[in-house]
N, C-alpha and C. Protein backbone atom coordinates (compact mmCIF):
# COMPACT_ATOMS: atom_id res chain seq x y z
N UNK A 1 -28.89 5.97 -5.13
CA UNK A 1 -27.76 5.59 -4.28
C UNK A 1 -27.12 4.31 -4.84
N UNK A 2 -25.81 4.32 -4.81
CA UNK A 2 -25.04 3.14 -5.19
C UNK A 2 -24.83 2.27 -3.96
N UNK A 3 -24.55 0.98 -4.17
CA UNK A 3 -24.32 0.07 -3.06
C UNK A 3 -23.08 -0.76 -3.31
N UNK A 4 -22.40 -1.09 -2.20
CA UNK A 4 -21.23 -1.95 -2.28
C UNK A 4 -21.16 -2.74 -0.98
N UNK A 5 -20.80 -4.01 -1.08
CA UNK A 5 -20.60 -4.84 0.10
C UNK A 5 -19.14 -5.24 0.17
N UNK A 6 -18.54 -5.07 1.34
CA UNK A 6 -17.14 -5.43 1.54
C UNK A 6 -16.97 -6.04 2.93
N UNK A 7 -15.86 -6.73 3.11
CA UNK A 7 -15.52 -7.24 4.43
C UNK A 7 -14.49 -6.30 5.04
N UNK A 8 -14.74 -5.85 6.24
CA UNK A 8 -13.86 -4.91 6.92
C UNK A 8 -12.58 -5.61 7.37
N UNK A 9 -11.45 -4.94 7.21
CA UNK A 9 -10.16 -5.46 7.68
C UNK A 9 -9.58 -4.56 8.77
N UNK A 10 -10.43 -3.73 9.36
CA UNK A 10 -9.98 -2.79 10.39
C UNK A 10 -9.63 -3.45 11.72
N UNK A 11 -10.21 -4.61 11.98
CA UNK A 11 -9.92 -5.37 13.20
C UNK A 11 -10.15 -6.85 12.90
N UNK A 12 -9.87 -7.74 13.83
CA UNK A 12 -10.02 -9.18 13.56
C UNK A 12 -11.45 -9.69 13.35
N UNK A 13 -12.47 -8.89 13.64
CA UNK A 13 -13.85 -9.38 13.52
C UNK A 13 -14.29 -9.64 12.09
N UNK A 14 -13.79 -8.89 11.12
CA UNK A 14 -14.16 -9.10 9.72
C UNK A 14 -15.63 -8.86 9.43
N UNK A 15 -16.14 -7.76 9.91
CA UNK A 15 -17.56 -7.44 9.71
C UNK A 15 -17.89 -7.30 8.22
N UNK A 16 -19.10 -7.72 7.88
CA UNK A 16 -19.60 -7.55 6.51
C UNK A 16 -20.28 -6.19 6.44
N UNK A 17 -19.67 -5.30 5.69
CA UNK A 17 -20.19 -3.94 5.59
C UNK A 17 -21.06 -3.80 4.35
N UNK A 18 -22.16 -3.12 4.50
CA UNK A 18 -23.01 -2.75 3.38
C UNK A 18 -22.95 -1.23 3.31
N UNK A 19 -22.49 -0.72 2.19
CA UNK A 19 -22.26 0.71 2.06
C UNK A 19 -23.15 1.26 0.95
N UNK A 20 -23.93 2.26 1.30
CA UNK A 20 -24.76 2.97 0.33
C UNK A 20 -24.19 4.38 0.22
N UNK A 21 -24.04 4.86 -1.02
CA UNK A 21 -23.41 6.17 -1.20
C UNK A 21 -23.87 6.84 -2.49
N UNK A 22 -23.79 8.15 -2.46
CA UNK A 22 -24.05 8.92 -3.67
C UNK A 22 -22.77 8.95 -4.50
N UNK A 23 -22.92 9.04 -5.78
CA UNK A 23 -21.78 9.00 -6.69
C UNK A 23 -20.76 10.10 -6.40
N UNK A 24 -21.21 11.24 -5.90
CA UNK A 24 -20.29 12.34 -5.59
C UNK A 24 -19.75 12.25 -4.15
N UNK A 25 -20.08 11.16 -3.43
CA UNK A 25 -19.65 10.89 -2.06
C UNK A 25 -20.16 11.91 -1.05
N UNK A 26 -21.16 12.69 -1.42
CA UNK A 26 -21.71 13.67 -0.48
C UNK A 26 -22.49 12.99 0.64
N UNK A 27 -22.89 11.76 0.40
CA UNK A 27 -23.59 11.00 1.43
C UNK A 27 -23.09 9.56 1.38
N UNK A 28 -22.60 9.06 2.52
CA UNK A 28 -22.11 7.68 2.63
C UNK A 28 -22.73 7.09 3.90
N UNK A 29 -23.40 5.96 3.75
CA UNK A 29 -24.03 5.28 4.88
C UNK A 29 -23.43 3.87 4.98
N UNK A 30 -22.76 3.61 6.09
CA UNK A 30 -22.13 2.30 6.32
C UNK A 30 -22.96 1.55 7.35
N UNK A 31 -23.32 0.30 7.02
CA UNK A 31 -24.07 -0.56 7.93
C UNK A 31 -23.27 -1.84 8.16
N UNK A 32 -23.49 -2.47 9.32
CA UNK A 32 -22.89 -3.77 9.58
C UNK A 32 -21.58 -3.74 10.34
N UNK A 33 -21.12 -2.59 10.74
CA UNK A 33 -19.86 -2.51 11.48
C UNK A 33 -20.10 -2.70 12.97
N UNK A 34 -19.09 -3.25 13.65
CA UNK A 34 -19.17 -3.45 15.09
C UNK A 34 -18.44 -2.35 15.85
N UNK A 35 -17.34 -1.86 15.27
CA UNK A 35 -16.57 -0.80 15.93
C UNK A 35 -16.42 0.39 14.98
N UNK A 36 -15.98 1.51 15.51
CA UNK A 36 -15.84 2.71 14.68
C UNK A 36 -14.81 2.56 13.58
N UNK A 37 -13.82 1.69 13.79
CA UNK A 37 -12.85 1.44 12.72
C UNK A 37 -13.55 0.90 11.48
N UNK A 38 -14.57 0.10 11.67
CA UNK A 38 -15.33 -0.45 10.55
C UNK A 38 -16.04 0.63 9.76
N UNK A 39 -16.65 1.56 10.49
CA UNK A 39 -17.33 2.67 9.81
C UNK A 39 -16.32 3.51 9.03
N UNK A 40 -15.19 3.83 9.66
CA UNK A 40 -14.15 4.63 9.00
C UNK A 40 -13.57 3.89 7.80
N UNK A 41 -13.32 2.59 7.97
CA UNK A 41 -12.78 1.79 6.86
C UNK A 41 -13.74 1.80 5.68
N UNK A 42 -15.02 1.59 5.94
CA UNK A 42 -16.01 1.59 4.87
C UNK A 42 -16.08 2.90 4.12
N UNK A 43 -16.06 4.00 4.86
CA UNK A 43 -16.09 5.32 4.21
C UNK A 43 -14.85 5.55 3.36
N UNK A 44 -13.69 5.21 3.92
CA UNK A 44 -12.43 5.41 3.19
C UNK A 44 -12.35 4.51 1.96
N UNK A 45 -12.85 3.31 2.08
CA UNK A 45 -12.80 2.36 0.96
C UNK A 45 -13.66 2.86 -0.21
N UNK A 46 -14.70 3.59 0.07
CA UNK A 46 -15.53 4.16 -1.00
C UNK A 46 -14.88 5.41 -1.59
N UNK A 47 -14.44 6.33 -0.72
CA UNK A 47 -13.89 7.61 -1.18
C UNK A 47 -12.52 7.50 -1.81
N UNK A 48 -11.60 6.82 -1.15
CA UNK A 48 -10.21 6.79 -1.61
C UNK A 48 -9.49 5.58 -1.02
N UNK A 49 -9.66 4.41 -1.63
CA UNK A 49 -9.01 3.22 -1.07
C UNK A 49 -7.48 3.30 -1.15
N UNK A 50 -6.82 2.81 -0.11
CA UNK A 50 -5.35 2.79 -0.03
C UNK A 50 -4.88 1.38 0.28
N UNK A 51 -3.68 1.06 -0.16
CA UNK A 51 -3.09 -0.25 0.10
C UNK A 51 -1.59 -0.11 0.37
N UNK A 52 -1.06 -1.01 1.22
CA UNK A 52 0.39 -1.14 1.34
C UNK A 52 0.85 -1.85 0.08
N UNK A 53 1.89 -1.35 -0.54
CA UNK A 53 2.40 -1.91 -1.79
C UNK A 53 3.68 -2.68 -1.51
N UNK A 54 3.78 -3.89 -2.02
CA UNK A 54 5.01 -4.67 -1.92
C UNK A 54 5.51 -4.97 -3.32
N UNK A 55 6.84 -5.01 -3.47
CA UNK A 55 7.45 -5.26 -4.78
C UNK A 55 8.90 -5.66 -4.56
N UNK A 56 9.66 -5.71 -5.64
CA UNK A 56 11.10 -5.91 -5.57
C UNK A 56 11.77 -4.88 -6.47
N UNK A 57 13.01 -4.51 -6.11
CA UNK A 57 13.83 -3.67 -6.97
C UNK A 57 15.07 -4.47 -7.35
N UNK A 58 15.59 -4.16 -8.52
CA UNK A 58 16.81 -4.83 -8.97
C UNK A 58 18.01 -4.32 -8.17
N UNK A 59 19.00 -5.19 -8.00
CA UNK A 59 20.25 -4.79 -7.35
C UNK A 59 21.39 -4.96 -8.34
N UNK A 60 22.56 -4.49 -7.94
CA UNK A 60 23.76 -4.65 -8.78
C UNK A 60 24.51 -5.94 -8.44
N UNK A 61 23.85 -6.87 -7.79
CA UNK A 61 24.47 -8.12 -7.33
C UNK A 61 23.93 -9.31 -8.10
N UNK A 62 24.83 -10.17 -8.58
CA UNK A 62 24.39 -11.41 -9.22
C UNK A 62 23.89 -12.41 -8.19
N UNK A 63 24.50 -12.41 -7.02
CA UNK A 63 24.12 -13.34 -5.96
C UNK A 63 22.74 -12.99 -5.38
N UNK A 64 22.44 -11.72 -5.27
CA UNK A 64 21.16 -11.23 -4.74
C UNK A 64 20.59 -10.21 -5.73
N UNK A 65 19.98 -10.70 -6.82
CA UNK A 65 19.55 -9.77 -7.88
C UNK A 65 18.35 -8.90 -7.54
N UNK A 66 17.60 -9.25 -6.48
CA UNK A 66 16.42 -8.47 -6.13
C UNK A 66 16.38 -8.18 -4.64
N UNK A 67 15.88 -7.01 -4.31
CA UNK A 67 15.69 -6.58 -2.93
C UNK A 67 14.19 -6.37 -2.72
N UNK A 68 13.58 -7.08 -1.77
CA UNK A 68 12.15 -6.85 -1.50
C UNK A 68 11.94 -5.48 -0.83
N UNK A 69 10.89 -4.81 -1.25
CA UNK A 69 10.57 -3.48 -0.74
C UNK A 69 9.07 -3.37 -0.49
N UNK A 70 8.69 -2.32 0.24
CA UNK A 70 7.27 -2.02 0.46
C UNK A 70 7.12 -0.52 0.64
N UNK A 71 5.88 -0.07 0.56
CA UNK A 71 5.60 1.34 0.84
C UNK A 71 5.60 1.53 2.35
N UNK A 72 6.08 2.67 2.79
CA UNK A 72 6.15 2.95 4.23
C UNK A 72 4.79 3.24 4.84
N UNK A 73 3.83 3.56 4.01
CA UNK A 73 2.45 3.76 4.44
C UNK A 73 1.56 3.43 3.24
N UNK A 74 0.28 3.24 3.46
CA UNK A 74 -0.60 2.91 2.33
C UNK A 74 -0.59 3.98 1.25
N UNK A 75 -0.65 3.52 0.00
CA UNK A 75 -0.71 4.43 -1.16
C UNK A 75 -2.09 4.30 -1.79
N UNK A 76 -2.49 5.32 -2.53
CA UNK A 76 -3.79 5.28 -3.19
C UNK A 76 -3.84 4.12 -4.18
N UNK A 77 -4.91 3.38 -4.12
CA UNK A 77 -5.06 2.19 -4.96
C UNK A 77 -4.97 2.54 -6.45
N UNK A 78 -5.49 3.69 -6.84
CA UNK A 78 -5.46 4.06 -8.26
C UNK A 78 -4.07 4.46 -8.75
N UNK A 79 -3.10 4.57 -7.84
CA UNK A 79 -1.72 4.93 -8.23
C UNK A 79 -0.78 3.73 -8.25
N UNK A 80 -1.25 2.56 -7.88
CA UNK A 80 -0.37 1.40 -7.71
C UNK A 80 0.43 1.09 -8.97
N UNK A 81 -0.19 1.03 -10.13
CA UNK A 81 0.55 0.66 -11.35
C UNK A 81 1.56 1.73 -11.76
N UNK A 82 1.24 3.00 -11.55
CA UNK A 82 2.22 4.07 -11.82
C UNK A 82 3.41 3.95 -10.90
N UNK A 83 3.15 3.66 -9.63
CA UNK A 83 4.23 3.51 -8.65
C UNK A 83 5.10 2.30 -9.00
N UNK A 84 4.46 1.19 -9.37
CA UNK A 84 5.23 0.00 -9.76
C UNK A 84 6.15 0.28 -10.94
N UNK A 85 5.66 1.03 -11.92
CA UNK A 85 6.52 1.38 -13.08
C UNK A 85 7.76 2.13 -12.62
N UNK A 86 7.60 3.03 -11.66
CA UNK A 86 8.76 3.77 -11.12
C UNK A 86 9.70 2.83 -10.38
N UNK A 87 9.15 1.94 -9.57
CA UNK A 87 9.96 1.01 -8.79
C UNK A 87 10.79 0.12 -9.70
N UNK A 88 10.16 -0.40 -10.76
CA UNK A 88 10.85 -1.36 -11.62
C UNK A 88 11.94 -0.71 -12.49
N UNK A 89 12.03 0.60 -12.51
CA UNK A 89 13.12 1.28 -13.22
C UNK A 89 14.36 1.46 -12.36
N UNK A 90 14.25 1.18 -11.05
CA UNK A 90 15.32 1.43 -10.09
C UNK A 90 16.25 0.23 -10.00
N UNK A 91 17.54 0.53 -9.86
CA UNK A 91 18.55 -0.50 -9.57
C UNK A 91 19.38 0.05 -8.41
N UNK A 92 19.49 -0.73 -7.33
CA UNK A 92 20.18 -0.26 -6.13
C UNK A 92 21.52 -0.97 -5.95
N UNK A 93 22.42 -0.29 -5.27
CA UNK A 93 23.70 -0.88 -4.88
C UNK A 93 23.55 -1.45 -3.47
N UNK A 94 24.24 -2.52 -3.23
CA UNK A 94 24.23 -3.15 -1.90
C UNK A 94 25.44 -2.68 -1.12
N UNK A 95 25.44 -2.72 0.21
CA UNK A 95 24.48 -3.36 1.10
C UNK A 95 23.27 -2.48 1.39
N UNK A 96 22.20 -3.13 1.86
CA UNK A 96 20.99 -2.44 2.30
C UNK A 96 20.50 -3.09 3.59
N UNK A 97 19.90 -2.27 4.46
CA UNK A 97 19.32 -2.74 5.71
C UNK A 97 17.80 -2.60 5.65
N UNK A 98 17.12 -3.36 6.49
CA UNK A 98 15.67 -3.23 6.60
C UNK A 98 15.36 -1.78 7.00
N UNK A 99 14.45 -1.17 6.29
CA UNK A 99 14.06 0.21 6.59
C UNK A 99 14.79 1.26 5.78
N UNK A 100 15.87 0.88 5.07
CA UNK A 100 16.55 1.86 4.21
C UNK A 100 15.58 2.40 3.18
N UNK A 101 15.60 3.70 2.97
CA UNK A 101 14.72 4.31 1.97
C UNK A 101 15.34 4.10 0.60
N UNK A 102 14.57 3.49 -0.28
CA UNK A 102 15.01 3.22 -1.65
C UNK A 102 14.54 4.35 -2.57
N UNK A 103 13.28 4.78 -2.42
CA UNK A 103 12.73 5.89 -3.19
C UNK A 103 11.92 6.75 -2.23
N UNK A 104 12.26 8.03 -2.14
CA UNK A 104 11.53 8.95 -1.26
C UNK A 104 10.26 9.46 -1.92
N UNK A 105 9.22 9.58 -1.11
CA UNK A 105 7.97 10.24 -1.50
C UNK A 105 7.50 9.82 -2.89
N UNK A 106 7.38 8.54 -3.11
CA UNK A 106 7.07 8.03 -4.45
C UNK A 106 5.69 8.44 -4.95
N UNK A 107 4.78 8.71 -4.04
CA UNK A 107 3.41 9.01 -4.45
C UNK A 107 3.03 10.49 -4.32
N UNK A 108 3.97 11.31 -3.84
CA UNK A 108 3.65 12.72 -3.63
C UNK A 108 2.89 12.97 -2.35
N UNK A 109 2.55 11.90 -1.63
CA UNK A 109 1.83 12.02 -0.35
C UNK A 109 2.69 11.60 0.83
N UNK A 110 4.00 11.44 0.61
CA UNK A 110 4.91 11.14 1.70
C UNK A 110 5.21 9.67 1.93
N UNK A 111 4.75 8.79 1.04
CA UNK A 111 5.07 7.37 1.20
C UNK A 111 6.40 7.06 0.52
N UNK A 112 7.32 6.51 1.30
CA UNK A 112 8.62 6.10 0.77
C UNK A 112 8.58 4.62 0.42
N UNK A 113 9.45 4.22 -0.46
CA UNK A 113 9.65 2.79 -0.73
C UNK A 113 10.87 2.39 0.09
N UNK A 114 10.69 1.39 0.97
CA UNK A 114 11.74 1.00 1.90
C UNK A 114 12.09 -0.49 1.74
N UNK A 115 13.33 -0.81 2.07
CA UNK A 115 13.79 -2.19 2.02
C UNK A 115 13.13 -3.00 3.14
N UNK A 116 12.79 -4.24 2.82
CA UNK A 116 12.18 -5.12 3.83
C UNK A 116 13.08 -6.31 4.16
N UNK A 117 14.29 -6.30 3.63
CA UNK A 117 15.25 -7.38 3.90
C UNK A 117 16.64 -6.78 3.95
N UNK A 118 17.48 -7.33 4.80
CA UNK A 118 18.87 -6.91 4.86
C UNK A 118 19.70 -7.77 3.91
N UNK A 119 20.44 -7.10 3.08
CA UNK A 119 21.43 -7.78 2.24
C UNK A 119 22.75 -7.10 2.57
N UNK A 120 23.64 -7.86 3.20
CA UNK A 120 24.83 -7.25 3.81
C UNK A 120 25.90 -6.78 2.83
N UNK A 121 26.16 -7.54 1.77
CA UNK A 121 27.24 -7.11 0.89
C UNK A 121 27.01 -7.57 -0.53
N UNK A 122 27.77 -6.95 -1.41
CA UNK A 122 27.73 -7.32 -2.82
C UNK A 122 28.48 -8.62 -3.04
N UNK A 123 28.37 -9.12 -4.26
CA UNK A 123 29.13 -10.33 -4.63
C UNK A 123 30.61 -10.08 -4.46
N UNK A 124 31.33 -11.10 -4.15
CA UNK A 124 32.78 -10.98 -3.99
C UNK A 124 33.51 -11.61 -5.12
């Protein structure tokens, strides 16, 4: 059995999880959690960790050359660098509002890249 220790981020308690698992994930034993979210977080972190991704995309504006963006839901951790390469190839036209979809379904699992800041207009 393999072992890993992590701190749970499922709730504010920050439990120290000790996870024992088989390499093929057929057996996962999570210890140290206080709530079920901790157990679920530990299992997911071993099988397929996901993260919210934040980045910037280029704009066509000299005054506001970058637009901050994020993934609409967590993406697989092993795909982050591939997704970033796609994001950094994009150049958007302004204006943009918070929540505007910049890239649809970037990961193939339904996560969109969305604007996290409003930029009202292009340079004048």
